[in-house]
Amino acid sequence: MVTEALLEQYNQPVPRYTSYPTVPFWQEGLDADAWKSIFRDRFAAINQADGISLYLHLPYCESLCTYCGCNKKITTNHSVEEEYIRALLKEWESYRRLMGSQPVIREIHLGGGTPTFFSPRNLEWLISTLLKDSIIHPDHSFSIEGHPNNTTREHLQTLFDLGFRRISYGVQDNDPIVQFIINRIQPFENVARATEQAREIGFTSVNFDLIYGLPRQTIEGMTQTLEQCISLRPDRVAFYSYAHVPWTSRGQRLFDESDLPNAELKMNLYRLGKERFAQHGYVDIGMDHFSTREDELFIAREAGWLHRNFMGYTTQKSGLLLGLGVSSISDAYWGYAQNHKTIHDYLSAVNEGELAVTKGCLLSEEDARFRKYILDISCQGRTAFEAEDLETLAQYSFPKLRSLAADGLVEWDEEGAALTPLGHHFIRNVCSAFDLYLQRNKSKNEKPLFSKAI
């Protein structure tokens, strides 16, 4: 049973583990030539067999949602669309020159910002140009994040015609009081309309993003939000803990922290969500994600081929994720690279014919093995240890595993570790047992790096 005592004990700042090593431990000033070499080698190794994934960051929003920690640019001037798309395509061409053969596109995800800030015509121009002279993998998956207020039927039809079948809507909360304080006025009718239109056109997967822990949230308001959203039967739901990180997100400084739910209320909001999803047939996939039993995410978890990357949980087996656009992150297995975080710096680098990478991490063999432990736990719920890591595990991981086992969250020995049913509720905490960077730098961290787990 998930007790209040356990929730309090494990409500600690820990990463979401969309990468390992995690971003705060990456280095500024990534060697562009080293990154090119890693990218080129990785592409050659996996393109024909598995294909590649593309993440495109479209940063523009018409208004500022004060809770948001994403990289965004606020403007109502839509003339910025064309310049930005030209830069994305120029960056794509730079990577095409490194590939040496036709890319096999297995996965595309448009994130933001607000991708549906861009007109249907411009999205068609962007995607059709990217796919020109590329091979679309027969098992491809194309997805987009949409804002219910501005996602039109024309957006949806255009995207569907381009091969998109998945859409994720940022709902967050339906309570008008909460929407006002986070500056995201979004009537539930808009969510229902956007969902119904997507399904009418042929989208096979609709995801809702909901957040608990937002300012002025109440049990009553969250109950209504959950019931309204579940009534639309989204295929997936991401139920995120609000990450209050005002030291990195200036917009979060615009409301009074006294409006945030206290620890007890936030935990009750979390428990309420998990209980309601379970009551309505949704399965807890892990790390804030729920799905129906018919959804591919659940099927992938049961079959043992669920994966996790910067886009969250995915069913796609692609060993190379290429991020295009401002602040985008690429994952070439042996290295990560992040683009410039300001649009000005990003456009300057791309227009000068350079790769826009500015920060990253080159992985050691030890990094790769410990990343596997973390991915195994987060996706499959169990992992097996390599003999060469036993000394390091004994120093950094086993003491924490003993503590986790004492609380009933894991079962382990020197062969490996596995989550218990109770431990499934605390995946981020269990993964942190294998985070050597976090363990080795505990005493050095003078400022907060991560949001709390719950």
Protein backbone atom coordinates (compact mmCIF):
# COMPACT_ATOMS: atom_id res chain seq x y z
CA MET A 1 0.00 0.00 0.00
CA VAL A 2 1.26 3.48 -0.88
CA THR A 3 1.17 5.18 2.50
CA GLU A 4 1.43 8.88 3.20
CA ALA A 5 4.67 8.20 5.09
CA LEU A 6 6.25 6.63 1.99
CA LEU A 7 5.08 9.49 -0.21
CA GLU A 8 6.65 12.00 2.17
CA GLN A 9 9.86 10.00 2.48
CA TYR A 10 10.39 9.68 -1.28
CA ASN A 11 9.21 13.13 -2.30
CA GLN A 12 12.78 14.11 -3.06
CA PRO A 13 14.37 16.06 -5.93
CA VAL A 14 15.27 13.43 -8.54
CA PRO A 15 15.57 13.48 -12.34
CA ARG A 16 12.89 12.22 -14.75
CA TYR A 17 15.62 10.21 -16.51
CA THR A 18 14.90 11.04 -20.11
CA SER A 19 18.68 10.82 -20.42
CA TYR A 20 21.67 9.54 -18.48
CA PRO A 21 23.86 11.32 -17.60
CA THR A 22 21.18 13.94 -16.92
CA VAL A 23 21.42 17.43 -18.43
CA PRO A 24 22.78 19.29 -15.34
CA PHE A 25 25.92 17.16 -15.57
CA TRP A 26 26.61 17.91 -19.23
CA GLN A 27 29.41 20.21 -20.30
CA GLU A 28 29.17 23.56 -22.02
CA GLY A 29 31.15 24.00 -25.22
CA LEU A 30 30.62 20.61 -26.85
CA ASP A 31 33.29 19.74 -29.43
CA ALA A 32 31.35 19.99 -32.71
CA ASP A 33 33.82 17.79 -34.60
CA ALA A 34 33.58 15.05 -31.96
CA TRP A 35 29.79 15.24 -32.13
CA LYS A 36 29.82 15.00 -35.94
CA SER A 37 31.97 11.87 -35.73
CA ILE A 38 29.68 10.22 -33.18
CA PHE A 39 26.58 11.15 -35.18
CA ARG A 40 28.04 9.89 -38.46
CA ASP A 41 29.10 6.55 -36.96
CA ARG A 42 25.80 6.01 -35.19
CA PHE A 43 23.77 6.81 -38.30
CA ALA A 44 25.77 4.32 -40.35
CA ALA A 45 25.23 1.64 -37.70
CA ILE A 46 21.46 1.86 -37.23
CA ASN A 47 19.77 3.72 -40.10
CA GLN A 48 19.05 0.77 -42.37
CA ALA A 49 18.09 -1.61 -39.58
CA ASP A 50 15.98 0.60 -37.29
CA GLY A 51 15.64 4.04 -38.86
CA ILE A 52 16.07 7.33 -37.01
CA SER A 53 13.84 9.53 -34.85
CA LEU A 54 13.39 13.27 -35.35
CA TYR A 55 12.36 15.77 -32.70
CA LEU A 56 11.53 19.26 -33.98
CA HIS A 57 11.22 22.03 -31.41
CA LEU A 58 8.73 24.72 -32.47
CA PRO A 59 9.11 27.30 -29.69
CA TYR A 60 6.50 29.98 -30.38
CA CYS A 61 3.44 30.63 -28.20
CA GLU A 62 0.94 33.48 -28.40
CA SER A 63 0.72 33.87 -24.61
CA LEU A 64 2.79 32.89 -21.59
CA CYS A 65 1.56 30.01 -19.42
CA THR A 66 3.25 30.89 -16.14
CA TYR A 67 3.69 27.27 -14.99
CA CYS A 68 5.64 26.27 -18.11
CA GLY A 69 9.32 25.36 -17.85
CA CYS A 70 9.78 24.66 -21.58
CA ASN A 71 11.92 26.70 -23.95
CA LYS A 72 9.48 29.11 -25.62
CA LYS A 73 9.19 32.49 -27.30
CA ILE A 74 6.05 34.56 -26.77
CA THR A 75 4.75 36.47 -29.79
CA THR A 76 1.59 37.09 -31.77
CA ASN A 77 3.64 37.90 -34.88
CA HIS A 78 3.22 34.88 -37.15
CA SER A 79 5.66 36.21 -39.70
CA VAL A 80 8.37 34.48 -37.62
CA GLU A 81 7.17 31.10 -38.88
CA GLU A 82 8.85 31.20 -42.28
CA GLU A 83 12.28 32.30 -41.02
CA TYR A 84 12.27 29.60 -38.37
CA ILE A 85 11.23 26.84 -40.75
CA ARG A 86 13.95 27.85 -43.19
CA ALA A 87 16.48 27.51 -40.36
CA LEU A 88 15.13 24.06 -39.40
CA LEU A 89 15.47 22.88 -42.98
CA LYS A 90 18.96 24.34 -43.26
CA GLU A 91 19.96 22.51 -40.08
CA TRP A 92 18.47 19.31 -41.52
CA GLU A 93 20.55 19.75 -44.66
CA SER A 94 23.70 20.08 -42.52
CA TYR A 95 22.95 16.73 -40.94
CA ARG A 96 22.02 15.20 -44.29
CA ARG A 97 25.56 15.92 -45.47
CA LEU A 98 26.87 13.83 -42.55
CA MET A 99 24.61 10.87 -43.28
CA GLY A 100 26.00 9.56 -46.53
CA SER A 101 22.78 7.75 -47.47
CA GLN A 102 19.02 8.24 -47.47
CA PRO A 103 17.67 8.50 -43.94
CA VAL A 104 14.96 6.05 -42.90
CA ILE A 105 12.50 8.09 -40.83
CA ARG A 106 10.88 6.00 -38.14
CA GLU A 107 9.63 8.65 -35.75
CA ILE A 108 8.79 12.36 -35.90
CA HIS A 109 7.63 14.40 -32.94
CA LEU A 110 6.74 18.09 -33.09
CA GLY A 111 7.09 19.70 -29.66
CA GLY A 112 7.13 23.18 -28.27
CA GLY A 113 6.23 25.83 -27.45
CA THR A 114 3.03 25.43 -29.39
CA PRO A 115 3.52 23.54 -32.67
CA THR A 116 -0.02 24.46 -33.72
CA PHE A 117 1.07 28.12 -33.53
CA PHE A 118 2.34 27.37 -37.04
CA SER A 119 -0.16 27.45 -39.88
CA PRO A 120 -1.23 24.18 -41.55
CA ARG A 121 0.43 25.38 -44.76
CA ASN A 122 3.76 25.95 -43.04
CA LEU A 123 3.62 22.63 -41.20
CA GLU A 124 2.98 20.92 -44.54
CA TRP A 125 5.96 22.73 -46.06
CA LEU A 126 8.21 21.72 -43.14
CA ILE A 127 7.28 18.04 -42.98
CA SER A 128 7.02 17.39 -46.73
CA THR A 129 10.48 18.94 -47.24
CA LEU A 130 11.98 16.85 -44.44
CA LEU A 131 10.52 13.70 -45.94
CA LYS A 132 11.63 14.51 -49.48
CA ASP A 133 14.33 12.06 -50.56
CA SER A 134 13.90 10.18 -47.28
CA ILE A 135 12.49 6.71 -46.73
CA ILE A 136 9.50 6.42 -44.39
CA HIS A 137 9.81 3.31 -42.23
CA PRO A 138 6.78 1.01 -42.63
CA ASP A 139 6.36 1.00 -38.83
CA HIS A 140 6.67 4.76 -38.45
CA SER A 141 5.07 6.90 -35.74
CA PHE A 142 4.48 10.63 -36.25
CA SER A 143 3.13 12.73 -33.36
CA ILE A 144 2.50 16.36 -32.45
CA GLU A 145 1.71 18.42 -29.38
CA GLY A 146 -1.37 20.58 -29.92
CA HIS A 147 -3.05 23.41 -28.04
CA PRO A 148 -6.82 22.78 -27.85
CA ASN A 149 -7.51 26.50 -28.33
CA ASN A 150 -5.77 26.82 -31.69
CA THR A 151 -5.68 23.31 -33.17
CA THR A 152 -8.05 23.52 -36.12
CA ARG A 153 -9.62 20.86 -38.27
CA GLU A 154 -7.35 22.07 -41.07
CA HIS A 155 -4.29 21.47 -38.84
CA LEU A 156 -5.47 17.95 -38.09
CA GLN A 157 -6.33 17.06 -41.69
CA THR A 158 -3.01 18.40 -42.96
CA LEU A 159 -1.06 16.43 -40.36
CA PHE A 160 -3.09 13.28 -40.98
CA ASP A 161 -2.36 13.52 -44.71
CA LEU A 162 1.36 13.75 -43.85
CA GLY A 163 1.22 10.51 -41.84
CA PHE A 164 0.58 11.78 -38.31
CA ARG A 165 -1.61 9.52 -36.18
CA ARG A 166 -0.81 10.66 -32.63
CA ILE A 167 -1.62 13.95 -30.97
CA SER A 168 -1.07 15.16 -27.41
CA TYR A 169 -3.15 18.01 -26.00
CA GLY A 170 -1.95 20.14 -23.12
CA VAL A 171 -4.99 20.21 -20.84
CA GLN A 172 -3.28 20.77 -17.45
CA ASP A 173 -6.43 21.68 -15.46
CA ASN A 174 -10.04 22.60 -16.30
CA ASP A 175 -10.71 24.70 -13.19
CA PRO A 176 -11.26 28.34 -14.32
CA ILE A 177 -9.55 29.66 -11.15
CA VAL A 178 -6.42 27.61 -11.83
CA GLN A 179 -6.49 28.51 -15.51
CA PHE A 180 -6.64 32.20 -14.64
CA ILE A 181 -3.66 32.14 -12.29
CA ILE A 182 -1.50 30.12 -14.73
CA ASN A 183 -2.68 32.31 -17.63
CA ARG A 184 -4.08 29.45 -19.70
CA ILE A 185 -7.76 30.11 -20.29
CA GLN A 186 -8.96 27.00 -22.07
CA PRO A 187 -12.64 25.97 -21.90
CA PHE A 188 -13.22 22.23 -21.68
CA GLU A 189 -15.40 22.56 -24.78
CA ASN A 190 -12.25 23.30 -26.77
CA VAL A 191 -10.58 20.14 -25.47
CA ALA A 192 -13.64 18.08 -26.41
CA ARG A 193 -13.85 19.66 -29.87
CA ALA A 194 -10.16 19.12 -30.64
CA THR A 195 -10.34 15.51 -29.41
CA GLU A 196 -13.47 14.67 -31.39
CA GLN A 197 -12.12 16.24 -34.56
CA ALA A 198 -8.84 14.31 -34.30
CA ARG A 199 -10.73 11.04 -34.03
CA GLU A 200 -13.15 11.91 -36.81
CA ILE A 201 -10.22 12.56 -39.14
CA GLY A 202 -8.51 9.29 -38.22
CA PHE A 203 -5.97 9.91 -35.44
CA THR A 204 -5.56 6.63 -33.57
CA SER A 205 -4.01 7.96 -30.35
CA VAL A 206 -4.95 11.00 -28.29
CA ASN A 207 -2.95 11.89 -25.18
CA PHE A 208 -3.84 14.44 -22.50
CA ASP A 209 -1.22 16.16 -20.36
CA LEU A 210 -2.52 16.94 -16.87
CA ILE A 211 -0.60 18.56 -14.03
CA TYR A 212 -1.09 18.25 -10.27
CA GLY A 213 0.43 20.72 -7.84
CA LEU A 214 -0.53 23.88 -9.76
CA PRO A 215 -1.41 27.03 -7.81
CA ARG A 216 -4.93 27.15 -6.33
CA GLN A 217 -5.69 23.53 -7.19
CA THR A 218 -8.21 21.78 -4.94
CA ILE A 219 -9.49 18.23 -4.55
CA GLU A 220 -12.89 19.32 -5.85
CA GLY A 221 -11.45 21.04 -8.91
CA MET A 222 -9.10 18.15 -9.71
CA THR A 223 -11.95 15.66 -9.35
CA GLN A 224 -13.96 17.56 -11.95
CA THR A 225 -10.96 17.84 -14.28
CA LEU A 226 -10.30 14.10 -14.05
CA GLU A 227 -13.94 13.15 -14.64
CA GLN A 228 -14.28 15.50 -17.60
CA CYS A 229 -11.07 14.31 -19.24
CA ILE A 230 -11.73 10.61 -18.64
CA SER A 231 -15.19 11.05 -20.19
CA LEU A 232 -13.39 11.70 -23.51
CA ARG A 233 -11.45 8.42 -23.12
CA PRO A 234 -7.96 9.58 -24.11
CA ASP A 235 -5.76 6.66 -25.09
CA ARG A 236 -2.98 7.93 -22.87
CA VAL A 237 -2.66 10.39 -20.02
CA ALA A 238 0.52 12.00 -18.71
CA PHE A 239 -0.17 13.05 -15.10
CA TYR A 240 2.79 15.25 -14.27
CA SER A 241 3.89 16.71 -10.99
CA TYR A 242 4.18 20.47 -11.35
CA ALA A 243 7.91 21.20 -11.35
CA HIS A 244 8.42 24.48 -9.51
CA VAL A 245 11.84 25.61 -10.76
CA PRO A 246 11.74 29.43 -10.69
CA TRP A 247 15.54 29.50 -10.76
CA THR A 248 15.38 28.32 -14.39
CA SER A 249 11.87 29.40 -15.46
CA ARG A 250 11.24 33.09 -14.91
CA GLY A 251 7.53 32.80 -15.73
CA GLN A 252 7.04 30.82 -12.54
CA ARG A 253 8.03 33.89 -10.54
CA LEU A 254 4.84 35.63 -11.64
CA PHE A 255 2.57 34.03 -9.07
CA ASP A 256 2.75 33.89 -5.29
CA GLU A 257 4.25 30.63 -4.02
CA SER A 258 1.75 30.71 -1.18
CA ASP A 259 -0.84 29.75 -3.81
CA LEU A 260 0.88 26.40 -4.37
CA PRO A 261 -0.70 23.35 -2.68
CA ASN A 262 1.13 22.30 0.46
CA ALA A 263 2.88 18.93 0.50
CA GLU A 264 -0.12 17.09 1.97
CA LEU A 265 -2.59 18.50 -0.56
CA LYS A 266 -0.25 17.84 -3.49
CA MET A 267 0.13 14.21 -2.45
CA ASN A 268 -3.63 13.87 -2.12
CA LEU A 269 -4.04 15.29 -5.64
CA TYR A 270 -1.54 12.70 -6.85
CA ARG A 271 -3.32 9.84 -5.11
CA LEU A 272 -6.68 11.04 -6.41
CA GLY A 273 -5.44 10.95 -10.00
CA LYS A 274 -3.91 7.48 -9.71
CA GLU A 275 -7.09 6.12 -8.10
CA ARG A 276 -9.42 7.61 -10.71
CA PHE A 277 -7.34 6.36 -13.62
CA ALA A 278 -7.27 2.86 -12.16
CA GLN A 279 -11.03 2.94 -11.54
CA HIS A 280 -11.61 3.74 -15.22
CA GLY A 281 -9.37 1.00 -16.59
CA TYR A 282 -6.12 2.90 -17.15
CA VAL A 283 -2.83 1.15 -16.41
CA ASP A 284 0.08 2.88 -14.67
CA ILE A 285 2.91 2.54 -17.21
CA GLY A 286 5.37 4.34 -14.95
CA MET A 287 6.87 7.79 -14.45
CA ASP A 288 3.57 9.69 -14.64
CA HIS A 289 2.13 7.84 -17.66
CA PHE A 290 -1.16 5.95 -17.88
CA SER A 291 -2.76 4.20 -20.83
CA THR A 292 -5.65 1.97 -21.80
CA ARG A 293 -4.90 -1.72 -22.16
CA GLU A 294 -5.51 -1.41 -25.90
CA ASP A 295 -2.87 1.26 -26.35
CA GLU A 296 0.52 0.42 -27.88
CA LEU A 297 2.29 1.83 -24.82
CA PHE A 298 0.77 -0.85 -22.59
CA ILE A 299 1.30 -3.55 -25.21
CA ALA A 300 4.96 -2.54 -25.56
CA ARG A 301 5.52 -2.64 -21.81
CA GLU A 302 3.97 -6.10 -21.55
CA ALA A 303 6.02 -7.36 -24.51
CA GLY A 304 9.27 -5.93 -23.12
CA TRP A 305 10.12 -3.43 -25.86
CA LEU A 306 9.07 -0.17 -24.24
CA HIS A 307 11.71 2.56 -24.58
CA ARG A 308 12.30 5.97 -23.03
CA ASN A 309 14.01 9.05 -24.44
CA PHE A 310 13.63 12.85 -24.45
CA MET A 311 10.13 12.51 -25.86
CA GLY A 312 9.14 10.33 -22.90
CA TYR A 313 7.99 6.73 -23.26
CA THR A 314 7.95 5.44 -26.82
CA THR A 315 7.23 2.19 -28.58
CA GLN A 316 9.73 2.89 -31.35
CA LYS A 317 13.07 1.11 -31.54
CA SER A 318 15.38 3.78 -32.90
CA GLY A 319 18.97 4.09 -31.77
CA LEU A 320 19.40 7.66 -33.01
CA LEU A 321 17.31 10.66 -32.04
CA LEU A 322 18.10 13.86 -33.95
CA GLY A 323 16.85 17.08 -32.39
CA LEU A 324 16.30 20.06 -34.70
CA GLY A 325 15.50 23.57 -33.58
CA VAL A 326 16.33 25.86 -30.68
CA SER A 327 17.30 23.98 -27.46
CA SER A 328 16.61 20.59 -29.09
CA ILE A 329 18.56 17.59 -27.82
CA SER A 330 20.02 14.79 -29.92
CA ASP A 331 20.89 11.32 -28.64
CA ALA A 332 23.41 9.29 -30.64
CA TYR A 333 23.89 6.62 -27.94
CA TRP A 334 27.53 7.47 -27.26
CA GLY A 335 26.80 11.16 -26.94
CA TYR A 336 24.17 13.84 -26.37
CA ALA A 337 24.13 17.28 -27.95
CA GLN A 338 21.89 20.24 -27.18
CA ASN A 339 21.36 23.22 -29.46
CA HIS A 340 21.59 26.87 -28.49
CA LYS A 341 18.82 27.91 -26.11
CA THR A 342 18.02 31.31 -27.60
CA ILE A 343 16.45 31.76 -31.01
CA HIS A 344 18.98 34.47 -31.86
CA ASP A 345 21.98 32.21 -31.19
CA TYR A 346 20.33 29.25 -32.90
CA LEU A 347 19.50 31.20 -36.07
CA SER A 348 22.97 32.77 -36.16
CA ALA A 349 24.73 29.40 -35.99
CA VAL A 350 22.51 27.72 -38.57
CA ASN A 351 22.62 30.64 -41.00
CA GLU A 352 26.42 30.60 -40.82
CA GLY A 353 26.36 26.99 -41.94
CA GLU A 354 27.37 25.56 -38.55
CA LEU A 355 25.72 22.95 -36.39
CA ALA A 356 23.87 24.71 -33.57
CA VAL A 357 25.14 22.38 -30.83
CA THR A 358 26.54 24.12 -27.78
CA LYS A 359 26.27 21.71 -24.83
CA GLY A 360 26.43 17.97 -24.42
CA CYS A 361 28.00 14.87 -23.06
CA LEU A 362 30.18 12.11 -24.47
CA LEU A 363 29.51 8.80 -22.75
CA SER A 364 32.02 6.36 -21.33
CA GLU A 365 31.38 2.61 -21.42
CA GLU A 366 30.48 2.81 -17.72
CA ASP A 367 27.95 5.57 -18.49
CA ALA A 368 26.34 3.36 -21.14
CA ARG A 369 26.03 0.40 -18.78
CA PHE A 370 24.50 2.43 -15.95
CA ARG A 371 22.14 4.10 -18.43
CA LYS A 372 20.97 0.60 -19.33
CA TYR A 373 20.23 -0.16 -15.68
CA ILE A 374 18.12 3.01 -15.46
CA LEU A 375 16.30 2.32 -18.74
CA ASP A 376 15.65 -1.28 -17.74
CA ILE A 377 14.08 -0.21 -14.44
CA SER A 378 12.02 2.61 -15.98
CA CYS A 379 10.75 0.54 -18.93
CA GLN A 380 10.79 -3.11 -17.83
CA GLY A 381 10.84 -2.90 -14.05
CA ARG A 382 13.97 -5.03 -13.68
CA THR A 383 17.65 -5.10 -14.62
CA ALA A 384 20.63 -7.48 -14.55
CA PHE A 385 24.06 -6.30 -13.37
CA GLU A 386 27.34 -6.66 -15.26
CA ALA A 387 30.15 -8.31 -13.31
CA GLU A 388 32.56 -5.48 -14.11
CA ASP A 389 30.27 -3.01 -12.32
CA LEU A 390 29.94 -4.89 -9.03
CA GLU A 391 32.60 -2.88 -7.21
CA THR A 392 31.05 0.43 -8.27
CA LEU A 393 27.54 -0.84 -7.54
CA ALA A 394 28.65 -1.95 -4.09
CA GLN A 395 29.95 1.53 -3.33
CA TYR A 396 27.14 3.67 -4.73
CA SER A 397 24.04 1.63 -5.60
CA PHE A 398 23.77 -1.26 -3.17
CA PRO A 399 23.46 0.92 -0.03
CA LYS A 400 20.49 2.70 -1.58
CA LEU A 401 18.98 -0.56 -2.82
CA ARG A 402 19.14 -1.92 0.74
CA SER A 403 17.15 1.08 1.93
CA LEU A 404 14.65 0.74 -0.91
CA ALA A 405 14.27 -2.98 -0.19
CA ALA A 406 13.65 -2.28 3.50
CA ASP A 407 10.70 -0.14 2.44
CA GLY A 408 9.41 -2.87 0.14
CA LEU A 409 10.15 -1.06 -3.14
CA VAL A 410 12.69 -3.44 -4.71
CA GLU A 411 14.01 -6.97 -4.56
CA TRP A 412 17.68 -7.33 -5.36
CA ASP A 413 20.90 -9.29 -5.07
CA GLU A 414 24.27 -9.11 -6.81
CA GLU A 415 22.70 -10.51 -9.98
CA GLY A 416 20.19 -7.70 -10.46
CA ALA A 417 17.22 -5.75 -9.14
CA ALA A 418 13.49 -5.66 -9.76
CA LEU A 419 10.67 -3.36 -8.77
CA THR A 420 7.98 -4.68 -6.46
CA PRO A 421 4.37 -3.68 -7.16
CA LEU A 422 4.81 -1.01 -4.49
CA GLY A 423 8.10 0.15 -6.01
CA HIS A 424 6.39 0.76 -9.33
CA HIS A 425 4.97 3.94 -7.78
CA PHE A 426 8.50 5.23 -7.05
CA ILE A 427 10.40 4.49 -10.27
CA ARG A 428 12.31 7.78 -10.33
CA ASN A 429 13.64 7.14 -6.82
CA VAL A 430 14.70 3.59 -7.69
CA CYS A 431 16.43 4.76 -10.89
CA SER A 432 18.41 7.28 -8.86
CA ALA A 433 20.19 4.38 -7.13
CA PHE A 434 22.08 3.85 -10.41
CA ASP A 435 22.81 7.53 -11.06
CA LEU A 436 26.53 7.71 -10.36
CA TYR A 437 26.67 11.42 -11.18
CA LEU A 438 24.00 12.16 -8.60
CA GLN A 439 25.56 9.89 -5.98
CA ARG A 440 29.11 11.17 -6.49
CA ASN A 441 28.12 14.84 -6.47
CA LYS A 442 25.69 14.91 -3.54
CA SER A 443 27.92 17.05 -1.36
CA LYS A 444 28.83 19.39 -4.26
CA ASN A 445 25.33 20.43 -5.25
CA GLU A 446 24.89 23.90 -3.77
CA LYS A 447 21.71 24.72 -5.70
CA PRO A 448 18.65 22.64 -6.60
CA LEU A 449 18.96 20.71 -9.86
CA PHE A 450 15.71 18.78 -10.10
CA SER A 451 12.06 19.00 -9.16
CA LYS A 452 10.62 16.76 -6.46
CA ALA A 453 9.43 13.28 -7.41
CA ILE A 454 5.84 13.82 -6.26
